[in-house]
Amino acid sequence: MEGPFVFISFDVMMREPNGRELPTVVNSGRATSITRLHVIALLFVLFAFSNCTALLLPKEQLPQFQLPASLEVQSEYVNITLSNPLHCPVRISIRSAESMLQPQLAALNPIVLPAGADTSFSVTGTFTALPDMQITVHMGNPSHEVLPATISLPFPADKTYRVVQGNNSQPTHHTDWSRYAIDIDLQKGDTVCAATDGVVVGVVDQYRYGGAGEAWKPYGNFITLYDTISGLFTQYVHLQHRGSLVQVGDAVQRGQPIGLSGTTGQTNIPHLHFNCMVPAATEDGLMSVPFVTVEGYNSMELHRGQVLQR
């Protein structure tokens, strides 16, 4: 069914006070510690798998994209450079437990980077080593109005499926993150299509398994699309191993095949979890919203067992 967060990866290039470059670190954890630099990668989505008790959980959580951040530490300042490689805006917040840094960082947060943009700035202090910092990233800019989007059902034309779970329902579609999502009974290997025009801003497709237990939530394969015209995000979750037909940065058209359905993440049955989301000032950064498809379906009226035909 639903999963919690989509973990975003950061390439962190750090320099010691003498200017010597430290090894690049890639982190994909929501609250994973990296020596002196803690990178929190938040942004969300869902997953499915079978037999949680019989299968071992994956050893690592995979990023849906990499966001480079470089820190250069000198004796009296830290220079921070952030880059946004995506075709959507991102919001970045940096925090530190160090009293000399946190007020300066708080005045900057959140740092909004438009698509493809970068920024560089300095914070001052007295440093003899790399300072403790946390970086949190969310997709989208809540100050931008999201326009009505043309949305199709996320599977090929002339196909018929049924709703497995409708909106605002148990067990998993009852939070701001997933309230208006729908689960559709696509089988393993069935084609998943883009519901809107847009650009791919996130892909995870290397997980193999799933299970009913909550522990499987972070381990599902998915694709995140961004409609550059409307500002709407759509996510397609529980794809099979290597089930993405697209890469981050690819432009897609509504109805184009983008993936293959599966059972990765938190699920014990094959299905596609489909969600429309907008940027929001919430913990997750994105919020599920109702949608109406060109086929005439209103997500707020869909219920378990209902037939969907494209």
Protein backbone atom coordinates (compact mmCIF):
# COMPACT_ATOMS: atom_id res chain seq x y z
CA MET A 1 0.00 0.00 0.00
CA GLU A 2 1.44 3.33 1.02
CA GLY A 3 4.97 4.10 2.07
CA PRO A 4 6.34 7.04 3.99
CA PHE A 5 9.14 9.03 2.46
CA VAL A 6 11.16 9.05 -0.69
CA PHE A 7 14.76 9.37 0.29
CA ILE A 8 16.81 11.96 -1.55
CA SER A 9 20.53 11.57 -1.94
CA PHE A 10 23.12 14.27 -1.42
CA ASP A 11 26.65 14.33 -2.76
CA VAL A 12 28.48 16.14 0.02
CA MET A 13 31.95 17.46 -0.76
CA MET A 14 33.71 18.74 2.33
CA ARG A 15 36.98 20.50 2.93
CA GLU A 16 38.94 20.67 6.13
CA PRO A 17 40.02 24.06 7.48
CA ASN A 18 43.28 23.74 5.56
CA GLY A 19 41.33 23.45 2.32
CA ARG A 20 42.05 19.74 1.78
CA GLU A 21 39.12 18.06 0.08
CA LEU A 22 37.48 15.19 1.97
CA PRO A 23 36.02 12.18 0.16
CA THR A 24 32.61 12.64 -1.41
CA VAL A 25 29.80 11.06 0.60
CA VAL A 26 26.43 10.00 -0.75
CA ASN A 27 23.64 9.68 1.80
CA SER A 28 20.08 8.53 1.28
CA GLY A 29 18.79 8.21 4.83
CA ARG A 30 16.01 10.20 6.39
CA ALA A 31 18.08 10.87 9.47
CA THR A 32 21.36 9.14 8.83
CA SER A 33 24.52 10.43 10.50
CA ILE A 34 27.64 11.04 8.41
CA THR A 35 30.44 11.77 10.86
CA ARG A 36 30.12 15.51 11.47
CA LEU A 37 27.58 16.15 8.76
CA HIS A 38 24.09 14.74 9.15
CA VAL A 39 22.04 14.73 6.00
CA ILE A 40 18.31 14.31 6.39
CA ALA A 41 16.74 13.41 3.06
CA LEU A 42 12.96 13.74 3.18
CA LEU A 43 10.43 13.44 0.35
CA PHE A 44 8.12 10.89 -0.04
CA VAL A 45 6.20 8.14 -1.41
CA LEU A 46 5.19 4.44 -1.17
CA PHE A 47 6.09 0.86 -1.49
CA ALA A 48 5.15 -2.81 -1.56
CA PHE A 49 6.38 -6.33 -1.15
CA SER A 50 5.40 -9.83 -0.06
CA ASN A 51 6.41 -12.08 2.81
CA CYS A 52 8.09 -9.59 5.13
CA THR A 53 8.84 -12.34 7.64
CA ALA A 54 10.48 -14.62 5.08
CA LEU A 55 12.59 -11.98 3.34
CA LEU A 56 15.34 -9.80 4.72
CA LEU A 57 14.90 -6.05 4.44
CA PRO A 58 17.30 -4.30 2.05
CA LYS A 59 20.49 -3.07 3.68
CA GLU A 60 20.21 0.45 2.28
CA GLN A 61 17.58 2.97 1.26
CA LEU A 62 18.04 4.15 -2.29
CA PRO A 63 17.80 7.81 -3.37
CA GLN A 64 15.37 8.97 -6.03
CA PHE A 65 17.88 11.61 -7.13
CA GLN A 66 21.18 13.14 -6.07
CA LEU A 67 21.42 16.73 -4.91
CA PRO A 68 25.01 18.00 -4.67
CA ALA A 69 26.04 20.09 -1.67
CA SER A 70 29.61 21.25 -1.06
CA LEU A 71 31.01 22.71 2.14
CA GLU A 72 34.35 24.51 2.32
CA VAL A 73 35.46 25.21 5.87
CA GLN A 74 38.02 27.88 6.69
CA SER A 75 39.01 29.18 10.10
CA GLU A 76 36.45 32.03 10.14
CA TYR A 77 33.68 30.90 7.77
CA VAL A 78 31.92 28.00 6.10
CA ASN A 79 31.12 28.41 2.41
CA ILE A 80 28.11 26.34 1.33
CA THR A 81 27.21 25.64 -2.31
CA LEU A 82 23.91 23.98 -3.22
CA SER A 83 22.77 22.85 -6.67
CA ASN A 84 19.36 21.75 -7.92
CA PRO A 85 19.71 19.29 -10.83
CA LEU A 86 15.95 18.78 -11.19
CA HIS A 87 13.33 20.34 -13.47
CA CYS A 88 11.26 21.36 -10.44
CA PRO A 89 11.91 23.78 -7.57
CA VAL A 90 13.30 22.43 -4.31
CA ARG A 91 13.26 23.80 -0.76
CA ILE A 92 16.39 23.26 1.32
CA SER A 93 16.72 23.84 5.05
CA ILE A 94 20.04 23.63 6.90
CA ARG A 95 20.25 23.34 10.67
CA SER A 96 23.08 23.06 13.16
CA ALA A 97 23.32 22.38 16.87
CA GLU A 98 26.21 24.85 17.05
CA SER A 99 25.03 28.12 18.60
CA MET A 100 27.18 30.33 16.38
CA LEU A 101 25.69 28.83 13.21
CA GLN A 102 22.01 28.15 13.87
CA PRO A 103 20.79 31.81 13.98
CA GLN A 104 22.48 32.51 10.64
CA LEU A 105 21.04 29.37 9.07
CA ALA A 106 17.56 30.01 10.47
CA ALA A 107 17.53 33.40 8.77
CA LEU A 108 18.20 31.71 5.41
CA ASN A 109 15.75 28.80 5.67
CA PRO A 110 14.10 27.62 3.58
CA ILE A 111 16.41 28.16 0.62
CA VAL A 112 14.27 27.87 -2.51
CA LEU A 113 16.14 26.86 -5.64
CA PRO A 114 14.31 27.03 -8.98
CA ALA A 115 14.75 24.22 -11.48
CA GLY A 116 18.40 23.87 -12.51
CA ALA A 117 19.59 26.67 -10.22
CA ASP A 118 22.41 26.81 -7.70
CA THR A 119 23.45 29.12 -4.90
CA SER A 120 26.45 29.79 -2.70
CA PHE A 121 26.66 31.60 0.63
CA SER A 122 28.81 31.79 3.75
CA VAL A 123 28.17 31.63 7.48
CA THR A 124 30.74 32.99 9.89
CA GLY A 125 32.29 31.70 13.08
CA THR A 126 35.45 30.17 14.46
CA PHE A 127 36.04 26.68 13.10
CA THR A 128 38.73 24.11 13.70
CA ALA A 129 36.80 21.22 12.10
CA LEU A 130 33.75 20.53 9.98
CA PRO A 131 30.65 21.78 11.84
CA ASP A 132 27.65 19.59 12.61
CA MET A 133 24.85 20.29 10.11
CA GLN A 134 21.59 18.77 8.94
CA ILE A 135 20.20 19.31 5.44
CA THR A 136 16.53 18.71 4.66
CA VAL A 137 15.11 18.89 1.13
CA HIS A 138 11.53 19.03 -0.13
CA MET A 139 10.31 19.19 -3.73
CA GLY A 140 8.26 22.12 -5.01
CA ASN A 141 7.54 25.67 -3.91
CA PRO A 142 4.30 26.19 -1.92
CA SER A 143 4.22 29.88 -2.89
CA HIS A 144 3.62 28.93 -6.53
CA GLU A 145 0.00 28.35 -7.50
CA VAL A 146 -0.70 24.86 -8.83
CA LEU A 147 -2.92 25.09 -11.90
CA PRO A 148 -5.52 22.55 -13.08
CA ALA A 149 -3.80 19.69 -14.90
CA THR A 150 -4.94 17.33 -17.64
CA ILE A 151 -4.79 13.90 -16.01
CA SER A 152 -5.35 10.45 -17.49
CA LEU A 153 -5.62 7.13 -15.70
CA PRO A 154 -2.06 5.76 -15.25
CA PHE A 155 -2.36 2.73 -17.53
CA PRO A 156 -2.67 2.10 -21.29
CA ALA A 157 -5.75 2.93 -23.35
CA ASP A 158 -8.37 0.20 -23.82
CA LYS A 159 -7.38 -1.42 -20.51
CA THR A 160 -9.72 -2.10 -17.58
CA TYR A 161 -8.71 -2.43 -13.91
CA ARG A 162 -10.35 -2.24 -10.48
CA VAL A 163 -9.72 -0.01 -7.48
CA VAL A 164 -8.00 -1.87 -4.63
CA GLN A 165 -8.17 1.04 -2.19
CA GLY A 166 -9.92 4.37 -2.65
CA ASN A 167 -9.38 7.83 -1.19
CA ASN A 168 -9.52 8.80 2.49
CA SER A 169 -9.68 5.17 3.59
CA GLN A 170 -7.97 2.58 5.73
CA PRO A 171 -5.47 1.12 5.99
CA THR A 172 -3.14 3.69 4.42
CA HIS A 173 -5.01 6.44 2.55
CA HIS A 174 -5.93 8.69 5.46
CA THR A 175 -3.03 11.14 5.90
CA ASP A 176 -2.14 14.41 4.18
CA TRP A 177 0.48 12.46 2.25
CA SER A 178 -1.90 9.91 0.72
CA ARG A 179 -5.49 10.95 1.39
CA TYR A 180 -6.59 11.10 -2.27
CA ALA A 181 -4.32 8.38 -3.66
CA ILE A 182 -5.81 5.32 -5.33
CA ASP A 183 -4.52 1.77 -5.54
CA ILE A 184 -5.26 0.02 -8.85
CA ASP A 185 -4.97 -3.75 -9.37
CA LEU A 186 -2.28 -3.75 -12.04
CA GLN A 187 -0.48 -7.10 -12.04
CA LYS A 188 3.26 -7.77 -12.07
CA GLY A 189 4.73 -6.56 -15.34
CA ASP A 190 1.68 -4.53 -16.40
CA THR A 191 2.48 -1.21 -18.08
CA VAL A 192 2.28 2.01 -16.06
CA CYS A 193 1.70 5.21 -18.05
CA ALA A 194 2.32 8.87 -17.28
CA ALA A 195 -0.89 10.52 -16.08
CA THR A 196 0.30 13.98 -17.18
CA ASP A 197 2.86 15.63 -19.40
CA GLY A 198 6.00 16.50 -17.50
CA VAL A 199 9.55 15.67 -16.50
CA VAL A 200 10.89 12.80 -14.42
CA VAL A 201 12.27 14.15 -11.11
CA GLY A 202 12.69 10.91 -9.17
CA VAL A 203 13.31 7.22 -9.86
CA VAL A 204 13.99 4.20 -7.65
CA ASP A 205 13.85 0.79 -9.33
CA GLN A 206 16.48 -1.46 -7.75
CA TYR A 207 14.45 -3.08 -4.97
CA ARG A 208 13.32 -6.67 -5.56
CA TYR A 209 10.82 -7.60 -2.86
CA GLY A 210 8.08 -6.41 -0.57
CA GLY A 211 5.97 -7.39 2.40
CA ALA A 212 2.87 -6.48 4.38
CA GLY A 213 4.79 -5.20 7.39
CA GLU A 214 5.38 -1.50 7.98
CA ALA A 215 9.12 -2.10 7.97
CA TRP A 216 8.90 -2.44 4.17
CA LYS A 217 7.61 1.11 3.65
CA PRO A 218 10.93 2.68 2.61
CA TYR A 219 11.82 -0.10 0.17
CA GLY A 220 9.47 0.26 -2.78
CA ASN A 221 10.29 1.21 -6.36
CA PHE A 222 8.63 4.34 -7.71
CA ILE A 223 8.71 7.19 -10.20
CA THR A 224 8.01 10.86 -9.48
CA LEU A 225 6.87 13.15 -12.31
CA TYR A 226 6.52 16.93 -12.30
CA ASP A 227 4.13 18.75 -14.64
CA THR A 228 6.12 21.89 -15.46
CA ILE A 229 3.00 23.70 -16.71
CA SER A 230 0.60 23.05 -13.83
CA GLY A 231 3.11 22.45 -11.03
CA LEU A 232 1.47 19.13 -10.09
CA PHE A 233 3.53 16.14 -8.90
CA THR A 234 2.43 12.56 -9.60
CA GLN A 235 3.89 9.39 -8.14
CA TYR A 236 3.71 5.78 -9.30
CA VAL A 237 4.65 3.25 -6.63
CA HIS A 238 5.33 -0.49 -6.11
CA LEU A 239 7.08 -0.97 -9.47
CA GLN A 240 8.88 -4.23 -10.15
CA HIS A 241 12.67 -4.65 -9.97
CA ARG A 242 14.20 -2.54 -12.75
CA GLY A 243 10.67 -1.53 -13.59
CA SER A 244 11.36 2.07 -14.61
CA LEU A 245 11.39 2.83 -18.33
CA VAL A 246 12.57 6.41 -17.72
CA GLN A 247 15.39 8.29 -16.00
CA VAL A 248 15.56 11.51 -14.00
CA GLY A 249 15.49 14.40 -16.45
CA ASP A 250 13.46 12.63 -19.15
CA ALA A 251 10.53 14.55 -20.64
CA VAL A 252 7.36 12.46 -20.89
CA GLN A 253 3.92 12.84 -22.44
CA ARG A 254 0.58 11.90 -20.96
CA GLY A 255 -0.16 8.26 -21.76
CA GLN A 256 3.49 7.36 -22.40
CA PRO A 257 4.66 4.06 -20.84
CA ILE A 258 7.03 4.88 -17.97
CA GLY A 259 7.19 1.74 -15.84
CA LEU A 260 6.14 -1.80 -15.01
CA SER A 261 3.93 -2.58 -12.04
CA GLY A 262 5.11 -4.88 -9.26
CA THR A 263 5.03 -5.69 -5.54
CA THR A 264 7.90 -3.78 -3.97
CA GLY A 265 7.58 -1.89 -0.69
CA GLN A 266 4.80 -2.33 1.84
CA THR A 267 2.26 -4.57 0.11
CA ASN A 268 1.26 -8.19 -0.10
CA ILE A 269 -0.53 -7.95 -3.45
CA PRO A 270 0.55 -6.57 -6.84
CA HIS A 271 -0.92 -3.15 -7.54
CA LEU A 272 -0.09 0.42 -8.55
CA HIS A 273 -0.30 3.17 -5.94
CA PHE A 274 -1.04 6.43 -7.78
CA ASN A 275 -0.97 9.81 -6.07
CA CYS A 276 -1.33 13.46 -7.17
CA MET A 277 0.46 15.94 -4.91
CA VAL A 278 1.19 19.62 -4.48
CA PRO A 279 3.93 21.38 -2.47
CA ALA A 280 2.87 22.14 1.11
CA ALA A 281 4.33 23.45 4.35
CA THR A 282 4.04 20.04 5.98
CA GLU A 283 6.59 17.66 7.46
CA ASP A 284 6.66 15.68 4.22
CA GLY A 285 6.67 18.75 1.95
CA LEU A 286 4.03 17.37 -0.44
CA MET A 287 0.31 16.89 0.12
CA SER A 288 -2.13 14.57 -1.65
CA VAL A 289 -4.90 16.35 -3.57
CA PRO A 290 -8.10 15.22 -5.34
CA PHE A 291 -8.04 14.85 -9.10
CA VAL A 292 -10.43 14.36 -12.01
CA THR A 293 -9.32 12.37 -15.05
CA VAL A 294 -10.13 12.98 -18.70
CA GLU A 295 -12.00 9.66 -18.59
CA GLY A 296 -14.45 11.26 -16.15
CA TYR A 297 -13.33 9.71 -12.85
CA ASN A 298 -13.26 11.84 -9.69
CA SER A 299 -10.76 10.52 -7.15
CA MET A 300 -13.01 11.57 -4.25
CA GLU A 301 -15.74 9.24 -5.51
CA LEU A 302 -13.64 6.15 -6.20
CA HIS A 303 -14.16 3.13 -3.95
CA ARG A 304 -12.83 -0.39 -3.52
CA GLY A 305 -13.90 -2.70 -6.34
CA GLN A 306 -14.87 0.08 -8.75
CA VAL A 307 -14.03 -0.60 -12.41
CA LEU A 308 -11.74 1.87 -14.19
CA GLN A 309 -11.57 1.94 -17.97
CA ARG A 310 -9.35 4.11 -20.11
